[in-house]
Amino acid sequence: GIELRGLKSDNTRSDRVDGGDLEQIARLWTLETTDNQFNAKADTNFDGSISGEDLLDVAVDWAKTYQ
């Protein structure tokens, strides 16, 4: 799925990009789609793994809010 709210890296769906989103990526770091704990919302670039590219998306969107 594609994020239509304009907050691509709001993986906790709190309507803001914050520490919760960063924590989610930290907890899921290196997981892939084959792992049962994988959370597709944290895979912001849809490549099948939680990695540095997803972390970059959080950095780009940091402190943005959905309005």
N, C-alpha and C. Protein backbone atom coordinates (compact mmCIF):
# COMPACT_ATOMS: atom_id res chain seq x y z
N GLY A 1 0.80 -1.18 0.00
CA GLY A 1 0.00 0.00 0.00
C GLY A 1 0.85 1.25 0.00
N ILE A 2 0.28 2.28 -0.46
CA ILE A 2 0.93 3.59 -0.52
C ILE A 2 0.32 4.51 0.52
N GLU A 3 1.16 5.25 1.22
CA GLU A 3 0.69 6.20 2.23
C GLU A 3 0.14 7.44 1.53
N LEU A 4 -1.13 7.69 1.71
CA LEU A 4 -1.78 8.82 1.04
C LEU A 4 -1.87 10.07 1.91
N ARG A 5 -1.48 9.97 3.17
CA ARG A 5 -1.60 11.11 4.07
C ARG A 5 -0.42 12.06 3.97
N GLY A 6 0.61 11.72 3.21
CA GLY A 6 1.76 12.59 3.09
C GLY A 6 2.81 12.37 4.16
N LEU A 7 2.61 11.37 5.01
CA LEU A 7 3.57 11.05 6.07
C LEU A 7 4.05 9.63 5.85
N LYS A 8 4.88 9.46 4.87
CA LYS A 8 5.36 8.14 4.48
C LYS A 8 5.97 7.36 5.65
N SER A 9 6.66 8.02 6.54
CA SER A 9 7.36 7.31 7.60
C SER A 9 6.64 7.34 8.95
N ASP A 10 5.36 7.68 8.96
CA ASP A 10 4.57 7.61 10.19
C ASP A 10 4.11 6.16 10.38
N ASN A 11 5.05 5.29 10.73
CA ASN A 11 4.73 3.87 10.79
C ASN A 11 3.93 3.47 12.02
N THR A 12 3.79 4.35 13.01
CA THR A 12 2.95 4.07 14.17
C THR A 12 1.55 4.64 14.01
N ARG A 13 1.32 5.34 12.92
CA ARG A 13 0.04 5.95 12.58
C ARG A 13 -0.49 6.87 13.68
N SER A 14 0.43 7.70 14.20
CA SER A 14 0.07 8.67 15.23
C SER A 14 -0.21 10.05 14.64
N ASP A 15 -0.16 10.16 13.34
CA ASP A 15 -0.33 11.41 12.60
C ASP A 15 0.80 12.39 12.80
N ARG A 16 1.97 11.88 13.21
CA ARG A 16 3.18 12.68 13.28
C ARG A 16 4.38 11.74 13.20
N VAL A 17 5.48 12.25 12.70
CA VAL A 17 6.72 11.48 12.63
C VAL A 17 7.56 11.89 13.83
N ASP A 18 7.78 10.92 14.72
CA ASP A 18 8.43 11.24 15.99
C ASP A 18 9.25 10.05 16.49
N GLY A 19 9.61 10.11 17.75
CA GLY A 19 10.42 9.07 18.36
C GLY A 19 9.77 7.69 18.33
N GLY A 20 8.46 7.63 18.34
CA GLY A 20 7.77 6.35 18.26
C GLY A 20 8.05 5.64 16.95
N ASP A 21 8.13 6.40 15.88
CA ASP A 21 8.44 5.82 14.57
C ASP A 21 9.88 5.35 14.52
N LEU A 22 10.76 6.13 15.11
CA LEU A 22 12.17 5.73 15.19
C LEU A 22 12.32 4.46 16.04
N GLU A 23 11.62 4.40 17.15
CA GLU A 23 11.67 3.22 18.02
C GLU A 23 11.16 1.99 17.28
N GLN A 24 10.10 2.14 16.51
CA GLN A 24 9.54 1.02 15.74
C GLN A 24 10.59 0.44 14.79
N ILE A 25 11.31 1.31 14.11
CA ILE A 25 12.35 0.85 13.20
C ILE A 25 13.48 0.18 13.97
N ALA A 26 13.85 0.75 15.11
CA ALA A 26 14.92 0.16 15.93
C ALA A 26 14.55 -1.24 16.39
N ARG A 27 13.31 -1.44 16.80
CA ARG A 27 12.86 -2.75 17.28
C ARG A 27 12.79 -3.78 16.16
N LEU A 28 12.52 -3.32 14.95
CA LEU A 28 12.34 -4.24 13.83
C LEU A 28 13.55 -4.32 12.91
N TRP A 29 14.63 -3.67 13.29
CA TRP A 29 15.83 -3.56 12.45
C TRP A 29 16.26 -4.91 11.91
N THR A 30 16.51 -5.01 10.64
CA THR A 30 16.97 -6.17 9.87
C THR A 30 15.91 -7.24 9.64
N LEU A 31 14.68 -7.07 10.12
CA LEU A 31 13.65 -8.07 9.85
C LEU A 31 13.25 -8.00 8.39
N GLU A 32 12.86 -9.13 7.85
CA GLU A 32 12.40 -9.23 6.47
C GLU A 32 10.98 -9.78 6.44
N THR A 33 10.34 -9.72 5.30
CA THR A 33 8.95 -10.13 5.18
C THR A 33 8.71 -11.57 5.62
N THR A 34 9.73 -12.39 5.63
CA THR A 34 9.57 -13.78 6.05
C THR A 34 9.51 -13.94 7.56
N ASP A 35 9.85 -12.91 8.32
CA ASP A 35 9.82 -12.97 9.78
C ASP A 35 8.41 -12.65 10.27
N ASN A 36 7.90 -13.40 11.23
CA ASN A 36 6.53 -13.18 11.69
C ASN A 36 6.35 -11.88 12.48
N GLN A 37 7.41 -11.21 12.91
CA GLN A 37 7.31 -9.93 13.59
C GLN A 37 7.42 -8.74 12.63
N PHE A 38 7.63 -9.01 11.36
CA PHE A 38 7.78 -7.95 10.36
C PHE A 38 6.52 -7.09 10.33
N ASN A 39 6.70 -5.78 10.33
CA ASN A 39 5.59 -4.84 10.26
C ASN A 39 5.72 -4.04 8.96
N ALA A 40 4.83 -4.28 8.03
CA ALA A 40 4.92 -3.63 6.72
C ALA A 40 4.83 -2.11 6.82
N LYS A 41 4.21 -1.57 7.86
CA LYS A 41 4.11 -0.11 8.01
C LYS A 41 5.48 0.52 8.23
N ALA A 42 6.40 -0.23 8.83
CA ALA A 42 7.75 0.29 9.08
C ALA A 42 8.64 0.17 7.86
N ASP A 43 8.22 -0.60 6.87
CA ASP A 43 8.98 -0.77 5.62
C ASP A 43 8.53 0.31 4.65
N THR A 44 9.00 1.53 4.87
CA THR A 44 8.49 2.69 4.13
C THR A 44 8.85 2.70 2.65
N ASN A 45 9.86 1.94 2.26
CA ASN A 45 10.21 1.92 0.83
C ASN A 45 9.79 0.62 0.16
N PHE A 46 9.06 -0.22 0.88
CA PHE A 46 8.45 -1.43 0.33
C PHE A 46 9.45 -2.37 -0.34
N ASP A 47 10.64 -2.52 0.27
CA ASP A 47 11.63 -3.43 -0.31
C ASP A 47 11.68 -4.77 0.39
N GLY A 48 10.83 -4.97 1.40
CA GLY A 48 10.75 -6.27 2.06
C GLY A 48 11.65 -6.42 3.26
N SER A 49 12.34 -5.36 3.68
CA SER A 49 13.17 -5.43 4.88
C SER A 49 13.20 -4.08 5.58
N ILE A 50 13.41 -4.13 6.90
CA ILE A 50 13.54 -2.90 7.69
C ILE A 50 15.03 -2.58 7.74
N SER A 51 15.40 -1.47 7.12
CA SER A 51 16.83 -1.18 6.94
C SER A 51 17.09 0.32 7.00
N GLY A 52 18.30 0.67 6.67
CA GLY A 52 18.71 2.07 6.68
C GLY A 52 17.91 2.96 5.77
N GLU A 53 17.39 2.41 4.69
CA GLU A 53 16.59 3.23 3.78
C GLU A 53 15.29 3.68 4.45
N ASP A 54 14.72 2.82 5.29
CA ASP A 54 13.52 3.19 6.03
C ASP A 54 13.86 4.24 7.08
N LEU A 55 15.02 4.12 7.69
CA LEU A 55 15.48 5.09 8.67
C LEU A 55 15.68 6.45 8.00
N LEU A 56 16.17 6.47 6.79
CA LEU A 56 16.32 7.74 6.05
C LEU A 56 14.98 8.41 5.83
N ASP A 57 13.95 7.62 5.54
CA ASP A 57 12.62 8.21 5.37
C ASP A 57 12.14 8.88 6.64
N VAL A 58 12.42 8.27 7.80
CA VAL A 58 12.06 8.89 9.08
C VAL A 58 12.83 10.21 9.24
N ALA A 59 14.11 10.20 8.90
CA ALA A 59 14.92 11.42 9.04
C ALA A 59 14.39 12.55 8.15
N VAL A 60 13.98 12.22 6.95
CA VAL A 60 13.46 13.23 6.02
C VAL A 60 12.14 13.82 6.52
N ASP A 61 11.27 12.97 7.09
CA ASP A 61 9.97 13.41 7.53
C ASP A 61 9.91 13.83 9.00
N TRP A 62 11.06 13.81 9.69
CA TRP A 62 11.09 14.07 11.12
C TRP A 62 10.32 15.34 11.49
N ALA A 63 9.46 15.24 12.47
CA ALA A 63 8.68 16.35 13.04
C ALA A 63 7.54 16.85 12.15
N LYS A 64 7.29 16.18 11.04
CA LYS A 64 6.12 16.55 10.23
C LYS A 64 4.87 15.99 10.89
N THR A 65 3.77 16.67 10.72
CA THR A 65 2.49 16.19 11.24
C THR A 65 1.45 16.19 10.13
N TYR A 66 0.47 15.32 10.30
CA TYR A 66 -0.64 15.26 9.35
C TYR A 66 -1.70 16.27 9.78
N GLN A 67 -2.11 17.11 8.85
CA GLN A 67 -3.12 18.12 9.20
C GLN A 67 -4.27 18.07 8.26
